């Protein structure tokens, strides 16, 4: 089915992973130093890039990353989430849309991520072809309600372009 040619589309994505010792924590393609635990996942567990890929796909009514990268497929074990994001972005571009801006919220109790805000924004912007001022990054804690997980919510504005 062909998405309707609206001038703008909004996508929303969300991802969460349980945390465990012995895994690296990567968010937005940025390794998180001093993280005692990392994401339990079939891929590399980058919840930011997973939520972002889902937001891109949902904005175009193209489903979610589970349809394209099922966690039951051994070929995707340990997959770099930048591949998932690049493929999702390519699908969006096929329909003549590009991201205009992104707002993302990361919920994680520890470690504190404030010092990495610019790094995450810069890396996500580079992956999407945006200016880092077009990527908003916010941090929250679970207030102790869910200290053993990381959760990310993303909203993306897609703009139609003539290529």
Protein backbone atom coordinates (compact mmCIF):
# COMPACT_ATOMS: atom_id res chain seq x y z
CA UNK A 1 0.00 0.00 0.00
CA UNK A 2 1.32 3.46 -0.91
CA UNK A 3 1.34 6.04 1.90
CA UNK A 4 -0.68 9.16 1.09
CA UNK A 5 1.50 12.13 0.01
CA UNK A 6 0.95 14.39 3.01
CA UNK A 7 3.41 17.29 3.36
CA UNK A 8 4.30 16.11 6.89
CA UNK A 9 3.92 12.90 8.83
CA UNK A 10 4.55 12.18 12.52
CA UNK A 11 6.01 8.93 13.76
CA UNK A 12 6.26 7.53 17.27
CA UNK A 13 8.45 4.72 18.51
CA UNK A 14 9.19 3.15 21.84
CA UNK A 15 11.64 0.50 23.02
CA UNK A 16 12.67 -1.00 26.34
CA UNK A 17 15.26 -3.53 27.39
CA UNK A 18 16.01 -5.27 30.65
CA UNK A 19 19.52 -4.54 31.97
CA UNK A 20 22.04 -7.17 33.01
CA UNK A 21 25.69 -7.35 34.00
CA UNK A 22 28.22 -8.37 31.40
CA UNK A 23 26.70 -6.40 28.52
CA UNK A 24 27.74 -3.02 27.14
CA UNK A 25 25.19 -0.22 27.18
CA UNK A 26 24.92 1.73 23.93
CA UNK A 27 22.37 4.52 23.43
CA UNK A 28 22.05 6.43 20.17
CA UNK A 29 25.20 4.71 18.92
CA UNK A 30 27.16 6.11 21.87
CA UNK A 31 28.83 3.66 24.28
CA UNK A 32 27.85 4.64 27.84
CA UNK A 33 30.95 4.70 30.05
CA UNK A 34 30.63 3.56 33.66
CA UNK A 35 27.43 1.63 32.91
CA UNK A 36 27.48 -1.38 35.20
CA UNK A 37 24.85 -3.15 33.10
CA UNK A 38 23.80 -3.30 29.48
CA UNK A 39 20.68 -4.18 27.52
CA UNK A 40 19.48 -7.75 27.16
CA UNK A 41 18.63 -8.00 23.48
CA UNK A 42 18.91 -10.15 20.37
CA UNK A 43 20.75 -7.30 18.61
CA UNK A 44 23.18 -4.88 20.27
CA UNK A 45 20.25 -3.53 22.31
CA UNK A 46 20.51 0.17 21.41
CA UNK A 47 17.04 1.20 22.60
CA UNK A 48 17.42 4.73 21.15
CA UNK A 49 18.07 3.49 17.62
CA UNK A 50 15.35 0.83 17.93
CA UNK A 51 12.74 3.38 19.03
CA UNK A 52 13.91 5.79 16.34
CA UNK A 53 13.64 3.14 13.62
CA UNK A 54 10.13 2.29 14.84
CA UNK A 55 9.19 5.98 14.79
CA UNK A 56 10.38 6.31 11.19
CA UNK A 57 8.45 3.22 10.14
CA UNK A 58 5.28 4.17 12.03
CA UNK A 59 5.29 7.63 10.51
CA UNK A 60 5.03 6.01 7.08
CA UNK A 61 2.60 3.25 8.20
CA UNK A 62 5.29 0.67 7.46
CA UNK A 63 4.99 -1.37 10.65
CA UNK A 64 7.82 -1.87 13.11
CA UNK A 65 11.33 -3.27 13.25
CA UNK A 66 10.10 -6.64 14.52
CA UNK A 67 8.62 -7.26 11.07
CA UNK A 68 11.94 -6.59 9.36
CA UNK A 69 14.32 -7.92 12.03
CA UNK A 70 12.53 -10.62 14.06
CA UNK A 71 14.35 -11.61 17.23
CA UNK A 72 13.72 -15.24 16.30
CA UNK A 73 16.09 -15.02 13.34
CA UNK A 74 19.64 -16.07 14.29
CA UNK A 75 21.01 -13.98 11.41
CA UNK A 76 20.21 -10.85 13.44
CA UNK A 77 21.99 -11.94 16.63
CA UNK A 78 24.25 -9.13 17.82
CA UNK A 79 23.22 -6.92 14.90
CA UNK A 80 24.48 -3.33 15.01
CA UNK A 81 21.38 -1.17 15.45
CA UNK A 82 22.80 1.39 13.03
CA UNK A 83 21.96 -1.13 10.29
CA UNK A 84 18.34 -1.31 11.49
CA UNK A 85 18.13 2.49 11.52
CA UNK A 86 19.76 2.88 8.08
CA UNK A 87 17.37 0.36 6.54
CA UNK A 88 14.34 2.06 8.14
CA UNK A 89 15.54 5.46 6.93
CA UNK A 90 15.99 4.06 3.40
CA UNK A 91 12.37 2.86 3.41
CA UNK A 92 11.19 6.33 4.46
CA UNK A 93 13.28 7.95 1.73
CA UNK A 94 11.81 5.59 -0.87
CA UNK A 95 8.48 7.31 -0.22
CA UNK A 96 10.14 10.75 -0.60
CA UNK A 97 10.23 11.70 3.06
CA UNK A 98 13.10 12.75 5.30
CA UNK A 99 13.27 13.44 9.03
CA UNK A 100 12.84 17.12 9.87
CA UNK A 101 13.38 16.81 13.61
CA UNK A 102 13.44 14.26 16.40
CA UNK A 103 12.52 14.38 20.09
CA UNK A 104 13.67 11.50 22.24
CA UNK A 105 13.33 10.68 25.92
CA UNK A 106 15.56 8.12 27.62
CA UNK A 107 14.46 6.67 30.97
CA UNK A 108 17.36 5.16 32.90
CA UNK A 109 18.10 5.26 36.62
CA UNK A 110 21.88 4.74 36.42
CA UNK A 111 24.29 5.97 35.23
CA UNK A 112 23.31 9.61 34.85
CA UNK A 113 23.42 10.56 31.16
CA UNK A 114 23.46 14.38 31.31
CA UNK A 115 27.13 14.69 30.32
CA UNK A 116 26.43 12.60 27.18
CA UNK A 117 23.45 14.63 25.89
CA UNK A 118 25.45 16.42 23.17
CA UNK A 119 27.21 13.21 22.10
CA UNK A 120 23.91 11.35 21.70
CA UNK A 121 22.27 14.27 19.86
CA UNK A 122 25.28 14.67 17.57
CA UNK A 123 25.46 10.96 16.75
CA UNK A 124 21.72 10.59 16.09
CA UNK A 125 21.78 13.72 13.94
CA UNK A 126 24.69 12.36 11.89
CA UNK A 127 22.90 9.04 11.35
CA UNK A 128 19.80 10.87 10.08
CA UNK A 129 21.52 13.64 8.11
CA UNK A 130 20.26 16.33 10.49
CA UNK A 131 21.82 19.21 12.37
CA UNK A 132 22.25 18.33 16.04
CA UNK A 133 19.91 21.21 16.96
CA UNK A 134 17.18 19.21 15.21
CA UNK A 135 17.54 16.35 17.71
CA UNK A 136 16.13 16.95 21.19
CA UNK A 137 17.39 14.61 23.90
CA UNK A 138 15.74 14.42 27.34
CA UNK A 139 16.56 12.17 30.28
CA UNK A 140 14.31 10.81 32.99
CA UNK A 141 14.65 8.27 35.78
CA UNK A 142 12.01 5.73 36.74
CA UNK A 143 12.06 7.21 40.28
CA UNK A 144 13.02 3.72 41.45
CA UNK A 145 9.96 2.05 39.90
CA UNK A 146 11.92 0.15 37.24
CA UNK A 147 15.64 0.36 37.97
CA UNK A 148 16.47 -2.75 35.95
CA UNK A 149 15.55 -1.43 32.54
CA UNK A 150 16.14 1.25 29.95
CA UNK A 151 13.22 2.74 28.02
CA UNK A 152 13.20 5.17 25.12
CA UNK A 153 10.34 7.09 23.50
CA UNK A 154 10.83 8.93 20.21
CA UNK A 155 8.73 11.27 18.13
CA UNK A 156 9.88 12.19 14.63
CA UNK A 157 8.53 14.74 12.20
CA UNK A 158 8.88 13.60 8.59
CA UNK A 159 8.81 16.10 5.75
CA UNK A 160 7.95 15.25 2.14
CA UNK A 161 10.63 16.16 -0.39
CA UNK A 162 10.77 15.99 -4.16
CA UNK A 163 13.83 14.04 -5.19
